[in-house]
C-alpha atoms as a PDB file:
ATOM      1  CA  UNK A   1      -1.239   2.519 -12.721  1.00  0.00           C
ATOM      2  CA  UNK A   2      -0.638   5.566 -11.038  1.00  0.00           C
ATOM      3  CA  UNK A   3       1.960   7.368 -12.459  1.00  0.00           C
ATOM      4  CA  UNK A   4       5.090   8.882  -9.837  1.00  0.00           C
ATOM      5  CA  UNK A   5       7.280  11.342 -10.003  1.00  0.00           C
ATOM      6  CA  UNK A   6      10.920  11.167  -8.409  1.00  0.00           C
ATOM      7  CA  UNK A   7      12.515  14.202  -7.696  1.00  0.00           C
ATOM      8  CA  UNK A   8      16.238  14.150  -5.861  1.00  0.00           C
ATOM      9  CA  UNK A   9      19.710  15.070  -7.167  1.00  0.00           C
ATOM     10  CA  UNK A  10      20.944  11.960  -5.527  1.00  0.00           C
ATOM     11  CA  UNK A  11      20.942   8.962  -8.132  1.00  0.00           C
ATOM     12  CA  UNK A  12      20.691   6.287  -5.407  1.00  0.00           C
ATOM     13  CA  UNK A  13      18.018   7.792  -3.708  1.00  0.00           C
ATOM     14  CA  UNK A  14      16.127   8.147  -6.800  1.00  0.00           C
ATOM     15  CA  UNK A  15      17.446   4.406  -7.598  1.00  0.00           C
ATOM     16  CA  UNK A  16      16.233   2.606  -4.205  1.00  0.00           C
ATOM     17  CA  UNK A  17      12.211   4.776  -4.412  1.00  0.00           C
ATOM     18  CA  UNK A  18      12.086   3.907  -7.819  1.00  0.00           C
ATOM     19  CA  UNK A  19      12.912   0.093  -7.257  1.00  0.00           C
ATOM     20  CA  UNK A  20      10.104  -0.513  -3.909  1.00  0.00           C
ATOM     21  CA  UNK A  21       7.510   2.047  -6.512  1.00  0.00           C
ATOM     22  CA  UNK A  22       8.010  -0.473  -8.813  1.00  0.00           C
ATOM     23  CA  UNK A  23       7.634  -3.560  -6.792  1.00  0.00           C
ATOM     24  CA  UNK A  24       4.407  -1.843  -5.733  1.00  0.00           C
ATOM     25  CA  UNK A  25       3.005  -1.672  -9.372  1.00  0.00           C
ATOM     26  CA  UNK A  26       3.507   2.436 -10.072  1.00  0.00           C
ATOM     27  CA  UNK A  27       4.493   3.473 -13.540  1.00  0.00           C
ATOM     28  CA  UNK A  28       7.514   5.765 -12.315  1.00  0.00           C
ATOM     29  CA  UNK A  29       9.310   8.687 -14.147  1.00  0.00           C
ATOM     30  CA  UNK A  30      12.803  10.642 -12.470  1.00  0.00           C
ATOM     31  CA  UNK A  31      14.464  14.267 -12.908  1.00  0.00           C
ATOM     32  CA  UNK A  32      17.236  14.859 -11.012  1.00  0.00           C
ATOM     33  CA  UNK A  33      16.378  18.583 -10.166  1.00  0.00           C
ATOM     34  CA  UNK A  34      13.652  20.900  -9.806  1.00  0.00           C
ATOM     35  CA  UNK A  35      13.753  23.011 -13.106  1.00  0.00           C
ATOM     36  CA  UNK A  36      13.664  18.984 -14.695  1.00  0.00           C
ATOM     37  CA  UNK A  37      10.811  18.656 -12.875  1.00  0.00           C
ATOM     38  CA  UNK A  38       8.886  21.656 -13.735  1.00  0.00           C
ATOM     39  CA  UNK A  39       9.568  21.200 -17.596  1.00  0.00           C
ATOM     40  CA  UNK A  40       7.890  17.294 -16.817  1.00  0.00           C
ATOM     41  CA  UNK A  41       5.479  19.010 -15.215  1.00  0.00           C
ATOM     42  CA  UNK A  42       4.481  21.360 -17.933  1.00  0.00           C
ATOM     43  CA  UNK A  43       4.525  17.857 -20.728  1.00  0.00           C
ATOM     44  CA  UNK A  44       2.757  15.533 -18.447  1.00  0.00           C
ATOM     45  CA  UNK A  45       0.259  14.710 -15.574  1.00  0.00           C
ATOM     46  CA  UNK A  46       1.154  12.804 -12.719  1.00  0.00           C
ATOM     47  CA  UNK A  47      -0.997  11.474  -9.856  1.00  0.00           C
ATOM     48  CA  UNK A  48       2.087  11.952  -7.434  1.00  0.00           C
ATOM     49  CA  UNK A  49       5.581  14.149  -7.103  1.00  0.00           C
ATOM     50  CA  UNK A  50       8.110  12.854  -4.359  1.00  0.00           C
ATOM     51  CA  UNK A  51      10.025  15.674  -4.189  1.00  0.00           C
ATOM     52  CA  UNK A  52      13.344  16.571  -2.510  1.00  0.00           C
ATOM     53  CA  UNK A  53      13.791  20.100  -0.863  1.00  0.00           C
ATOM     54  CA  UNK A  54      17.562  20.729  -1.139  1.00  0.00           C
ATOM     55  CA  UNK A  55      18.369  20.670  -4.921  1.00  0.00           C
ATOM     56  CA  UNK A  56      20.517  22.664  -7.377  1.00  0.00           C
ATOM     57  CA  UNK A  57      18.585  24.903 -10.051  1.00  0.00           C
ATOM     58  CA  UNK A  58      15.490  25.071  -8.321  1.00  0.00           C
ATOM     59  CA  UNK A  59      14.962  23.852  -4.493  1.00  0.00           C
ATOM     60  CA  UNK A  60      11.869  21.911  -3.763  1.00  0.00           C
ATOM     61  CA  UNK A  61       9.688  24.280  -2.552  1.00  0.00           C
ATOM     62  CA  UNK A  62      10.224  26.915  -5.410  1.00  0.00           C
ATOM     63  CA  UNK A  63       9.724  23.762  -7.725  1.00  0.00           C
ATOM     64  CA  UNK A  64       6.732  22.871  -5.874  1.00  0.00           C
ATOM     65  CA  UNK A  65       5.311  26.450  -5.990  1.00  0.00           C
ATOM     66  CA  UNK A  66       5.737  26.904  -9.934  1.00  0.00           C
ATOM     67  CA  UNK A  67       4.154  22.914 -10.595  1.00  0.00           C
ATOM     68  CA  UNK A  68       1.155  24.099  -8.628  1.00  0.00           C
ATOM     69  CA  UNK A  69       0.375  26.353 -10.861  1.00  0.00           C
ATOM     70  CA  UNK A  70      -0.314  24.437 -13.513  1.00  0.00           C
ATOM     71  CA  UNK A  71      -1.683  20.932 -12.010  1.00  0.00           C
ATOM     72  CA  UNK A  72      -3.178  20.387  -7.961  1.00  0.00           C
ATOM     73  CA  UNK A  73      -0.589  16.877  -7.899  1.00  0.00           C
ATOM     74  CA  UNK A  74      -0.227  15.278  -4.675  1.00  0.00           C
ATOM     75  CA  UNK A  75       3.249  16.011  -2.846  1.00  0.00           C
ATOM     76  CA  UNK A  76       5.426  14.155  -0.884  1.00  0.00           C
ATOM     77  CA  UNK A  77       8.333  16.666  -0.072  1.00  0.00           C
ATOM     78  CA  UNK A  78      11.989  14.440   1.307  1.00  0.00           C
ATOM     79  CA  UNK A  79      14.913  16.603   3.537  1.00  0.00           C
ATOM     80  CA  UNK A  80      17.573  16.004   4.894  1.00  0.00           C
ATOM     81  CA  UNK A  81      16.873  18.743   7.285  1.00  0.00           C
ATOM     82  CA  UNK A  82      14.142  18.002   9.702  1.00  0.00           C
ATOM     83  CA  UNK A  83      13.661  21.516  11.083  1.00  0.00           C
ATOM     84  CA  UNK A  84      10.338  22.652  12.473  1.00  0.00           C
ATOM     85  CA  UNK A  85      10.700  25.788   9.695  1.00  0.00           C
ATOM     86  CA  UNK A  86      10.999  23.596   6.590  1.00  0.00           C
ATOM     87  CA  UNK A  87       8.147  21.542   7.589  1.00  0.00           C
ATOM     88  CA  UNK A  88       5.972  24.132   7.973  1.00  0.00           C
ATOM     89  CA  UNK A  89       7.163  26.282   5.104  1.00  0.00           C
ATOM     90  CA  UNK A  90       5.892  22.692   2.982  1.00  0.00           C
ATOM     91  CA  UNK A  91       2.507  22.258   4.418  1.00  0.00           C
ATOM     92  CA  UNK A  92       1.901  26.241   3.990  1.00  0.00           C
ATOM     93  CA  UNK A  93       2.649  25.395   0.421  1.00  0.00           C
ATOM     94  CA  UNK A  94      -0.250  22.435   0.414  1.00  0.00           C
ATOM     95  CA  UNK A  95       2.312  19.763   0.751  1.00  0.00           C
ATOM     96  CA  UNK A  96       0.802  16.505   1.523  1.00  0.00           C
ATOM     97  CA  UNK A  97       3.445  14.959   3.071  1.00  0.00           C
ATOM     98  CA  UNK A  98       6.789  15.344   5.091  1.00  0.00           C
ATOM     99  CA  UNK A  99       9.299  12.710   5.138  1.00  0.00           C
ATOM    100  CA  UNK A 100      12.689  13.228   6.896  1.00  0.00           C
ATOM    101  CA  UNK A 101      15.952  11.377   5.481  1.00  0.00           C
ATOM    102  CA  UNK A 102      17.157   8.857   6.052  1.00  0.00           C
ATOM    103  CA  UNK A 103      13.731   7.236   5.864  1.00  0.00           C
ATOM    104  CA  UNK A 104      12.576   3.742   5.284  1.00  0.00           C
ATOM    105  CA  UNK A 105      11.355   2.980   1.530  1.00  0.00           C
ATOM    106  CA  UNK A 106       8.458   0.821   3.011  1.00  0.00           C
ATOM    107  CA  UNK A 107       7.300   3.382   5.181  1.00  0.00           C
ATOM    108  CA  UNK A 108       7.253   6.153   2.674  1.00  0.00           C
ATOM    109  CA  UNK A 109       5.049   3.514  -0.001  1.00  0.00           C
ATOM    110  CA  UNK A 110       2.853   3.143   2.604  1.00  0.00           C
ATOM    111  CA  UNK A 111       2.964   7.319   2.741  1.00  0.00           C
ATOM    112  CA  UNK A 112       2.229   7.220  -1.280  1.00  0.00           C
ATOM    113  CA  UNK A 113      -0.526   4.739  -0.837  1.00  0.00           C
ATOM    114  CA  UNK A 114      -2.220   6.383   1.610  1.00  0.00           C
ATOM    115  CA  UNK A 115      -2.253  10.323  -0.254  1.00  0.00           C
ATOM    116  CA  UNK A 116      -3.313   8.234  -3.328  1.00  0.00           C
ATOM    117  CA  UNK A 117      -5.908   6.629  -1.703  1.00  0.00           C
ATOM    118  CA  UNK A 118      -7.130   9.739  -0.160  1.00  0.00           C
ATOM    119  CA  UNK A 119      -6.848  11.373  -4.094  1.00  0.00           C
ATOM    120  CA  UNK A 120      -9.326   9.118  -5.607  1.00  0.00           C
ATOM    121  CA  UNK A 121     -11.997   9.060  -2.744  1.00  0.00           C
ATOM    122  CA  UNK A 122     -15.306   7.893  -4.628  1.00  0.00           C
ATOM    123  CA  UNK A 123     -17.645  11.236  -5.638  1.00  0.00           C
ATOM    124  CA  UNK A 124     -21.354  11.445  -3.948  1.00  0.00           C
ATOM    125  CA  UNK A 125     -23.944  12.589  -6.088  1.00  0.00           C
ATOM    126  CA  UNK A 126     -26.426  12.745  -3.246  1.00  0.00           C
ATOM    127  CA  UNK A 127     -26.550  15.850  -1.709  1.00  0.00           C
ATOM    128  CA  UNK A 128     -25.622  14.693   1.907  1.00  0.00           C
ATOM    129  CA  UNK A 129     -27.781  16.693   4.913  1.00  0.00           C
ATOM    130  CA  UNK A 130     -26.004  19.679   6.113  1.00  0.00           C
ATOM    131  CA  UNK A 131     -23.363  19.109   9.017  1.00  0.00           C
ATOM    132  CA  UNK A 132     -22.265  22.063  10.893  1.00  0.00           C
ATOM    133  CA  UNK A 133     -21.090  22.445  14.427  1.00  0.00           C
ATOM    134  CA  UNK A 134     -20.828  26.226  16.123  1.00  0.00           C
ATOM    135  CA  UNK A 135     -18.362  26.810  19.299  1.00  0.00           C
ATOM    136  CA  UNK A 136     -18.321  30.582  20.417  1.00  0.00           C
ATOM    137  CA  UNK A 137     -17.480  32.745  17.527  1.00  0.00           C
ATOM    138  CA  UNK A 138     -16.137  29.253  15.588  1.00  0.00           C
ATOM    139  CA  UNK A 139     -17.908  28.017  12.803  1.00  0.00           C
ATOM    140  CA  UNK A 140     -17.171  24.517  11.410  1.00  0.00           C
ATOM    141  CA  UNK A 141     -19.095  23.792   8.398  1.00  0.00           C
ATOM    142  CA  UNK A 142     -17.955  19.643   7.800  1.00  0.00           C
ATOM    143  CA  UNK A 143     -20.334  19.860   4.514  1.00  0.00           C
ATOM    144  CA  UNK A 144     -19.318  22.831   2.432  1.00  0.00           C
ATOM    145  CA  UNK A 145     -15.451  22.587   4.144  1.00  0.00           C
ATOM    146  CA  UNK A 146     -16.143  26.119   5.288  1.00  0.00           C
ATOM    147  CA  UNK A 147     -14.446  27.435   8.799  1.00  0.00           C
ATOM    148  CA  UNK A 148     -15.478  31.054  10.352  1.00  0.00           C
ATOM    149  CA  UNK A 149     -13.689  32.611  13.277  1.00  0.00           C
ATOM    150  CA  UNK A 150     -15.480  35.385  14.568  1.00  0.00           C
ATOM    151  CA  UNK A 151     -17.251  35.331  11.305  1.00  0.00           C
ATOM    152  CA  UNK A 152     -14.628  35.660   9.552  1.00  0.00           C
ATOM    153  CA  UNK A 153     -13.347  32.596   6.725  1.00  0.00           C
ATOM    154  CA  UNK A 154     -10.144  31.444   7.261  1.00  0.00           C
ATOM    155  CA  UNK A 155      -8.208  29.762   4.635  1.00  0.00           C
ATOM    156  CA  UNK A 156      -6.559  26.356   5.924  1.00  0.00           C
ATOM    157  CA  UNK A 157      -4.435  23.679   4.090  1.00  0.00           C
ATOM    158  CA  UNK A 158      -6.083  20.489   3.275  1.00  0.00           C
ATOM    159  CA  UNK A 159      -4.560  18.486   5.790  1.00  0.00           C
ATOM    160  CA  UNK A 160      -5.460  21.029   8.522  1.00  0.00           C
ATOM    161  CA  UNK A 161      -9.300  20.909   7.344  1.00  0.00           C
ATOM    162  CA  UNK A 162      -8.947  17.139   7.660  1.00  0.00           C
ATOM    163  CA  UNK A 163      -6.988  17.701  11.182  1.00  0.00           C
ATOM    164  CA  UNK A 164      -9.495  20.050  12.715  1.00  0.00           C
ATOM    165  CA  UNK A 165     -12.730  17.711  11.598  1.00  0.00           C
ATOM    166  CA  UNK A 166     -11.389  15.008  12.569  1.00  0.00           C
ATOM    167  CA  UNK A 167     -10.954  16.474  16.149  1.00  0.00           C
ATOM    168  CA  UNK A 168     -13.830  17.990  16.270  1.00  0.00           C
ATOM    169  CA  UNK A 169     -16.552  15.365  15.211  1.00  0.00           C
ATOM    170  CA  UNK A 170     -14.634  13.474  17.956  1.00  0.00           C
ATOM    171  CA  UNK A 171     -14.502  16.843  20.452  1.00  0.00           C
ATOM    172  CA  UNK A 172     -13.977  16.005  24.554  1.00  0.00           C
ATOM    173  CA  UNK A 173     -12.053  12.544  23.822  1.00  0.00           C
ATOM    174  CA  UNK A 174      -8.947  11.983  24.207  1.00  0.00           C
ATOM    175  CA  UNK A 175      -7.046  11.469  21.109  1.00  0.00           C
ATOM    176  CA  UNK A 176      -3.458   9.806  21.185  1.00  0.00           C
ATOM    177  CA  UNK A 177      -1.100  10.430  18.297  1.00  0.00           C
ATOM    178  CA  UNK A 178      -1.666   7.714  17.363  1.00  0.00           C
ATOM    179  CA  UNK A 179      -5.260   7.827  16.904  1.00  0.00           C
ATOM    180  CA  UNK A 180      -4.497  11.150  15.100  1.00  0.00           C
ATOM    181  CA  UNK A 181      -1.860  10.253  12.829  1.00  0.00           C
ATOM    182  CA  UNK A 182      -3.494   6.845  11.568  1.00  0.00           C
ATOM    183  CA  UNK A 183      -7.590   8.376  11.175  1.00  0.00           C
ATOM    184  CA  UNK A 184      -6.130  11.414   9.514  1.00  0.00           C
ATOM    185  CA  UNK A 185      -2.783  10.903   7.279  1.00  0.00           C
ATOM    186  CA  UNK A 186      -3.636   7.480   6.643  1.00  0.00           C
ATOM    187  CA  UNK A 187      -0.912   5.142   7.758  1.00  0.00           C
ATOM    188  CA  UNK A 188       0.244   3.500  10.246  1.00  0.00           C
ATOM    189  CA  UNK A 189       2.170   5.289  13.152  1.00  0.00           C
ATOM    190  CA  UNK A 190       6.470   4.983  13.523  1.00  0.00           C
ATOM    191  CA  UNK A 191       7.194   7.463  16.425  1.00  0.00           C
ATOM    192  CA  UNK A 192       7.721  10.772  14.209  1.00  0.00           C
ATOM    193  CA  UNK A 193       4.717  13.244  15.600  1.00  0.00           C
ATOM    194  CA  UNK A 194       7.050  16.279  14.084  1.00  0.00           C
ATOM    195  CA  UNK A 195       4.213  15.894  11.088  1.00  0.00           C
ATOM    196  CA  UNK A 196       1.909  16.279  14.081  1.00  0.00           C
ATOM    197  CA  UNK A 197       3.016  18.283  16.137  1.00  0.00           C
ATOM    198  CA  UNK A 198       3.560  21.031  12.940  1.00  0.00           C
ATOM    199  CA  UNK A 199      -0.140  20.655  11.693  1.00  0.00           C
ATOM    200  CA  UNK A 200      -1.197  21.419  15.042  1.00  0.00           C
ATOM    201  CA  UNK A 201       0.535  24.510  15.776  1.00  0.00           C
ATOM    202  CA  UNK A 202      -0.664  25.347  12.027  1.00  0.00           C
ATOM    203  CA  UNK A 203      -4.433  24.784  12.982  1.00  0.00           C
ATOM    204  CA  UNK A 204      -4.287  26.618  16.168  1.00  0.00           C
ATOM    205  CA  UNK A 205      -2.547  29.319  14.634  1.00  0.00           C
ATOM    206  CA  UNK A 206      -5.642  29.456  11.849  1.00  0.00           C
ATOM    207  CA  UNK A 207      -8.356  29.160  14.240  1.00  0.00           C
ATOM    208  CA  UNK A 208      -7.488  32.363  16.302  1.00  0.00           C
ATOM    209  CA  UNK A 209      -8.414  32.908  19.559  1.00  0.00           C
ATOM    210  CA  UNK A 210     -10.395  29.417  19.749  1.00  0.00           C
ATOM    211  CA  UNK A 211      -7.255  27.813  19.497  1.00  0.00           C
ATOM    212  CA  UNK A 212      -7.851  27.386  23.615  1.00  0.00           C
ATOM    213  CA  UNK A 213     -10.053  24.497  22.324  1.00  0.00           C
ATOM    214  CA  UNK A 214      -7.329  22.286  21.123  1.00  0.00           C
ATOM    215  CA  UNK A 215      -5.919  21.252  24.684  1.00  0.00           C
ATOM    216  CA  UNK A 216      -2.633  19.248  24.601  1.00  0.00           C
ATOM    217  CA  UNK A 217      -2.873  15.872  27.125  1.00  0.00           C
ATOM    218  CA  UNK A 218       1.105  16.065  28.061  1.00  0.00           C
ATOM    219  CA  UNK A 219       2.561  12.852  26.772  1.00  0.00           C
ATOM    220  CA  UNK A 220      -1.519  11.330  25.239  1.00  0.00           C
ATOM    221  CA  UNK A 221      -1.686  13.723  22.349  1.00  0.00           C
ATOM    222  CA  UNK A 222      -4.632  16.271  22.371  1.00  0.00           C
ATOM    223  CA  UNK A 223      -8.587  16.827  22.923  1.00  0.00           C
ATOM    224  CA  UNK A 224     -10.741  18.993  21.298  1.00  0.00           C
ATOM    225  CA  UNK A 225     -13.262  21.031  23.516  1.00  0.00           C
ATOM    226  CA  UNK A 226     -16.788  22.282  23.297  1.00  0.00           C
END
């Protein structure tokens, strides 16, 4: 049974998330602020954190940074603010998902299930065949999960890797926002595509001169050239 830690200074928010999480069969613990969350994570292991951004004592970003020093636990951030800076900051910390308040508890549980599912992928024992794609000075090593830009390795967040690999494997195809959200994030599309656009922006920045390979299809989505 996956164990979830819900961290939010608003008791009513914790209560509604806990209600839905228990209904889905998860074990649930709670923390009222970032400091308490850090202390709990030093003593216990959790399968996923639902972490609010704006909290007293220690904000969610700082708490995430401290927790990640001791364990690589998946994190879904909650925030009443939807500014692009906040989303970018969270994704740069390696946050798995970002949900803006007010949110649908049912949708949140779907996102929780998707993140947990990604974290429990079976280990492949056989040595896979090497799969490498080279386009101009961009090298994408799918097998080694390595990306090189003009021979220099670039470090991407886990979700940037997933997004780039999916687009590269489907290069030349018009990929709608719904297709990208469903296949990369693993849950149904609910109309909020800011998460996708933020990751595209971060990915383009990481690819440098080869950001041109990601073409925006106005009103549709994106296409990876090459």
